[in-house]
C-alpha cells in the first residue's frame, strides 16, 4: 500500500480531510522514530510493538565475487505483531 493510499484510508475511516490524515500519519511516524532513537519501545495494544535490537557482526559473501566479507554490527528496528493482529491475519 502506498503512503497516499494509506492517507486516503485514514481520512475515510477517521472522517478527516486528507490534509489532516497526512499530518496525523507524519506525526505518528515522527513520534515512533524519535521514541526508537531514544531507546524507548513503542507498544500499540492490539497491534504490536516496535523495538530496536542489536544485530551482531556476521560473515557474509559478496554475491558478485563470492568473496567472504564481514557485515558490521548495527541496530535494527523490529516489529513484533500483537496477539490480536496475529489472530486477524490468521498467523
N, C-alpha and C. Protein backbone atom coordinates (compact mmCIF):
# COMPACT_ATOMS: atom_id res chain seq x y z
N UNK A 1 0.85 -1.17 0.00
CA UNK A 1 0.00 0.00 0.00
C UNK A 1 0.90 1.23 0.00
N UNK A 2 0.58 2.18 -0.84
CA UNK A 2 1.37 3.42 -0.91
C UNK A 2 0.97 4.36 0.23
N UNK A 3 1.80 5.36 0.47
CA UNK A 3 1.51 6.33 1.52
C UNK A 3 0.22 7.06 1.19
N UNK A 4 0.03 7.43 -0.08
CA UNK A 4 -1.19 8.14 -0.46
C UNK A 4 -2.44 7.30 -0.22
N UNK A 5 -2.36 6.02 -0.53
CA UNK A 5 -3.50 5.12 -0.29
C UNK A 5 -3.78 5.01 1.20
N UNK A 6 -2.72 4.94 2.02
CA UNK A 6 -2.90 4.87 3.47
C UNK A 6 -3.54 6.15 3.99
N UNK A 7 -3.09 7.30 3.52
CA UNK A 7 -3.67 8.58 3.93
C UNK A 7 -5.15 8.62 3.56
N UNK A 8 -5.49 8.16 2.38
CA UNK A 8 -6.91 8.14 1.96
C UNK A 8 -7.74 7.25 2.87
N UNK A 9 -7.21 6.08 3.24
CA UNK A 9 -7.95 5.17 4.12
C UNK A 9 -8.11 5.76 5.52
N UNK A 10 -7.05 6.40 6.03
CA UNK A 10 -7.13 7.05 7.35
C UNK A 10 -8.18 8.16 7.30
N UNK A 11 -8.15 8.98 6.26
CA UNK A 11 -9.10 10.08 6.13
C UNK A 11 -10.53 9.54 6.09
N UNK A 12 -10.73 8.47 5.36
CA UNK A 12 -12.05 7.86 5.22
C UNK A 12 -12.56 7.31 6.56
N UNK A 13 -11.72 6.50 7.21
CA UNK A 13 -12.14 5.83 8.45
C UNK A 13 -12.31 6.81 9.61
N UNK A 14 -11.44 7.81 9.70
CA UNK A 14 -11.48 8.75 10.82
C UNK A 14 -12.31 9.99 10.50
N UNK A 15 -12.87 10.03 9.30
CA UNK A 15 -13.66 11.18 8.83
C UNK A 15 -12.86 12.47 8.98
N UNK A 16 -11.65 12.44 8.41
CA UNK A 16 -10.76 13.60 8.39
C UNK A 16 -10.54 14.02 6.95
N UNK A 17 -10.05 15.24 6.79
CA UNK A 17 -9.63 15.64 5.45
C UNK A 17 -8.32 14.91 5.15
N UNK A 18 -7.98 14.82 3.87
CA UNK A 18 -6.72 14.16 3.51
C UNK A 18 -5.53 14.90 4.09
N UNK A 19 -5.62 16.21 4.19
CA UNK A 19 -4.53 17.01 4.76
C UNK A 19 -4.34 16.66 6.23
N UNK A 20 -5.45 16.57 6.98
CA UNK A 20 -5.36 16.22 8.40
C UNK A 20 -4.88 14.78 8.59
N UNK A 21 -5.33 13.87 7.74
CA UNK A 21 -4.88 12.49 7.82
C UNK A 21 -3.39 12.39 7.53
N UNK A 22 -2.90 13.15 6.56
CA UNK A 22 -1.47 13.17 6.24
C UNK A 22 -0.67 13.70 7.42
N UNK A 23 -1.16 14.76 8.05
CA UNK A 23 -0.49 15.32 9.23
C UNK A 23 -0.45 14.29 10.36
N UNK A 24 -1.55 13.58 10.56
CA UNK A 24 -1.61 12.57 11.63
C UNK A 24 -0.62 11.44 11.35
N UNK A 25 -0.55 10.98 10.11
CA UNK A 25 0.39 9.92 9.75
C UNK A 25 1.83 10.38 9.94
N UNK A 26 2.15 11.60 9.50
CA UNK A 26 3.51 12.14 9.67
C UNK A 26 3.85 12.26 11.15
N UNK A 27 2.89 12.70 11.97
CA UNK A 27 3.13 12.83 13.41
C UNK A 27 3.40 11.45 14.02
N UNK A 28 2.61 10.45 13.62
CA UNK A 28 2.80 9.10 14.13
C UNK A 28 4.19 8.58 13.80
N UNK A 29 4.59 8.72 12.55
CA UNK A 29 5.91 8.25 12.11
C UNK A 29 7.02 8.97 12.87
N UNK A 30 6.88 10.28 13.05
CA UNK A 30 7.90 11.06 13.77
C UNK A 30 7.99 10.62 15.22
N UNK A 31 6.86 10.42 15.87
CA UNK A 31 6.85 10.02 17.28
C UNK A 31 7.46 8.63 17.45
N UNK A 32 7.09 7.69 16.60
CA UNK A 32 7.66 6.34 16.68
C UNK A 32 9.16 6.39 16.43
N UNK A 33 9.59 7.12 15.40
CA UNK A 33 11.01 7.23 15.07
C UNK A 33 11.80 7.85 16.22
N UNK A 34 11.31 8.95 16.76
CA UNK A 34 12.01 9.62 17.86
C UNK A 34 12.08 8.73 19.09
N UNK A 35 11.00 8.02 19.39
CA UNK A 35 11.00 7.13 20.55
C UNK A 35 12.05 6.03 20.38
N UNK A 36 12.09 5.41 19.20
CA UNK A 36 13.05 4.35 18.96
C UNK A 36 14.48 4.87 19.00
N UNK A 37 14.72 6.07 18.46
CA UNK A 37 16.06 6.67 18.51
C UNK A 37 16.51 6.88 19.94
N UNK A 38 15.54 7.15 20.84
CA UNK A 38 15.85 7.38 22.26
C UNK A 38 15.81 6.10 23.08
N UNK A 39 15.69 4.95 22.41
CA UNK A 39 15.73 3.68 23.11
C UNK A 39 14.45 3.28 23.79
N UNK A 40 13.33 3.91 23.40
CA UNK A 40 12.04 3.61 24.02
C UNK A 40 11.21 2.75 23.06
N UNK A 41 10.79 1.58 23.54
CA UNK A 41 9.92 0.72 22.74
C UNK A 41 8.56 1.39 22.55
N UNK A 42 7.88 1.05 21.46
CA UNK A 42 6.57 1.62 21.18
C UNK A 42 5.55 0.48 21.08
N UNK A 43 4.87 0.18 22.21
CA UNK A 43 3.84 -0.86 22.18
C UNK A 43 2.49 -0.26 21.80
N UNK A 44 1.78 -0.89 20.89
CA UNK A 44 0.44 -0.46 20.50
C UNK A 44 -0.50 -1.62 20.78
N UNK A 45 -1.30 -1.48 21.82
CA UNK A 45 -2.18 -2.56 22.27
C UNK A 45 -3.04 -3.06 21.12
N UNK A 46 -3.08 -4.36 20.93
CA UNK A 46 -3.88 -4.97 19.90
C UNK A 46 -3.24 -4.96 18.52
N UNK A 47 -2.09 -4.30 18.38
CA UNK A 47 -1.42 -4.22 17.08
C UNK A 47 -0.05 -4.87 17.14
N UNK A 48 0.82 -4.36 18.02
CA UNK A 48 2.16 -4.92 18.14
C UNK A 48 3.11 -3.94 18.79
N UNK A 49 4.40 -4.29 18.78
CA UNK A 49 5.42 -3.49 19.43
C UNK A 49 6.61 -3.26 18.50
N UNK A 50 7.01 -2.00 18.39
CA UNK A 50 8.22 -1.63 17.66
C UNK A 50 9.36 -1.54 18.67
N UNK A 51 10.48 -2.19 18.37
CA UNK A 51 11.64 -2.16 19.25
C UNK A 51 12.91 -2.00 18.42
N UNK A 52 13.99 -1.63 19.09
CA UNK A 52 15.32 -1.58 18.47
C UNK A 52 16.11 -2.75 19.04
N UNK A 53 16.73 -3.54 18.18
CA UNK A 53 17.56 -4.65 18.62
C UNK A 53 18.94 -4.53 18.00
N UNK A 54 19.93 -5.10 18.69
CA UNK A 54 21.31 -5.11 18.18
C UNK A 54 21.49 -6.33 17.30
N UNK A 55 21.97 -6.12 16.09
CA UNK A 55 22.29 -7.22 15.20
C UNK A 55 23.80 -7.40 15.26
N UNK A 56 24.25 -8.59 15.58
CA UNK A 56 25.67 -8.88 15.75
C UNK A 56 26.42 -8.83 14.42
N UNK A 57 27.72 -8.60 14.52
CA UNK A 57 28.58 -8.69 13.35
C UNK A 57 28.52 -10.12 12.81
N UNK A 58 28.54 -10.26 11.50
CA UNK A 58 28.44 -11.61 10.94
C UNK A 58 29.20 -11.70 9.62
N UNK A 59 29.44 -12.91 9.22
CA UNK A 59 30.12 -13.16 7.95
C UNK A 59 29.09 -13.22 6.82
N UNK A 60 29.46 -12.70 5.68
CA UNK A 60 28.60 -12.76 4.51
C UNK A 60 29.45 -13.02 3.28
N UNK A 61 28.83 -12.99 2.14
CA UNK A 61 29.54 -13.20 0.87
C UNK A 61 29.18 -12.10 -0.11
N UNK A 62 30.17 -11.65 -0.85
CA UNK A 62 29.93 -10.72 -1.94
C UNK A 62 29.27 -11.53 -3.06
N UNK A 63 28.03 -11.20 -3.45
CA UNK A 63 27.34 -12.01 -4.45
C UNK A 63 28.00 -11.97 -5.83
N UNK A 64 28.76 -10.95 -6.11
CA UNK A 64 29.42 -10.84 -7.42
C UNK A 64 30.66 -11.73 -7.50
N UNK A 65 31.44 -11.76 -6.39
CA UNK A 65 32.71 -12.47 -6.43
C UNK A 65 32.74 -13.73 -5.59
N UNK A 66 31.81 -13.86 -4.66
CA UNK A 66 31.81 -15.00 -3.75
C UNK A 66 32.80 -14.81 -2.60
N UNK A 67 33.48 -13.67 -2.58
CA UNK A 67 34.47 -13.38 -1.55
C UNK A 67 33.78 -13.21 -0.19
N UNK A 68 34.39 -13.77 0.88
CA UNK A 68 33.86 -13.63 2.24
C UNK A 68 34.07 -12.20 2.70
N UNK A 69 33.03 -11.62 3.31
CA UNK A 69 33.13 -10.27 3.86
C UNK A 69 32.53 -10.28 5.26
N UNK A 70 32.90 -9.27 6.04
CA UNK A 70 32.35 -9.11 7.38
C UNK A 70 31.28 -8.02 7.32
N UNK A 71 30.10 -8.35 7.77
CA UNK A 71 29.00 -7.38 7.83
C UNK A 71 28.99 -6.82 9.25
N UNK A 72 29.11 -5.50 9.35
CA UNK A 72 29.25 -4.84 10.65
C UNK A 72 28.00 -4.99 11.51
N UNK A 73 28.21 -4.94 12.82
CA UNK A 73 27.09 -4.95 13.77
C UNK A 73 26.32 -3.65 13.61
N UNK A 74 25.02 -3.70 13.86
CA UNK A 74 24.22 -2.48 13.79
C UNK A 74 22.92 -2.67 14.55
N UNK A 75 22.24 -1.57 14.77
CA UNK A 75 20.92 -1.60 15.41
C UNK A 75 19.87 -1.61 14.30
N UNK A 76 18.83 -2.41 14.51
CA UNK A 76 17.74 -2.50 13.52
C UNK A 76 16.39 -2.41 14.23
N UNK A 77 15.39 -1.97 13.50
CA UNK A 77 14.03 -1.89 14.04
C UNK A 77 13.37 -3.25 13.85
N UNK A 78 12.70 -3.69 14.90
CA UNK A 78 11.99 -4.96 14.85
C UNK A 78 10.53 -4.68 15.22
N UNK A 79 9.62 -5.37 14.53
CA UNK A 79 8.20 -5.27 14.86
C UNK A 79 7.70 -6.64 15.25
N UNK A 80 7.10 -6.72 16.42
CA UNK A 80 6.52 -7.99 16.87
C UNK A 80 5.01 -7.79 16.90
N UNK A 81 4.29 -8.51 16.03
CA UNK A 81 2.83 -8.33 16.00
C UNK A 81 2.19 -8.81 17.30
N UNK A 82 1.13 -8.11 17.69
CA UNK A 82 0.38 -8.48 18.88
C UNK A 82 -0.55 -9.65 18.61
N UNK A 83 -1.06 -10.22 19.68
CA UNK A 83 -1.92 -11.40 19.59
C UNK A 83 -3.16 -11.13 18.72
N UNK A 84 -3.78 -9.96 18.91
CA UNK A 84 -4.99 -9.64 18.15
C UNK A 84 -4.69 -9.54 16.66
N UNK A 85 -3.57 -8.94 16.29
CA UNK A 85 -3.20 -8.82 14.88
C UNK A 85 -2.93 -10.19 14.28
N UNK A 86 -2.23 -11.03 15.03
CA UNK A 86 -1.95 -12.39 14.55
C UNK A 86 -3.25 -13.14 14.28
N UNK A 87 -4.22 -12.98 15.18
CA UNK A 87 -5.50 -13.67 15.01
C UNK A 87 -6.26 -13.12 13.81
N UNK A 88 -6.17 -11.80 13.59
CA UNK A 88 -6.88 -11.16 12.48
C UNK A 88 -6.36 -11.62 11.12
N UNK A 89 -5.04 -11.87 11.03
CA UNK A 89 -4.48 -12.26 9.75
C UNK A 89 -4.32 -13.76 9.62
N UNK A 90 -4.67 -14.48 10.67
CA UNK A 90 -4.63 -15.93 10.63
C UNK A 90 -3.23 -16.51 10.76
N UNK A 91 -2.33 -15.79 11.40
CA UNK A 91 -0.96 -16.28 11.58
C UNK A 91 -0.85 -17.16 12.80
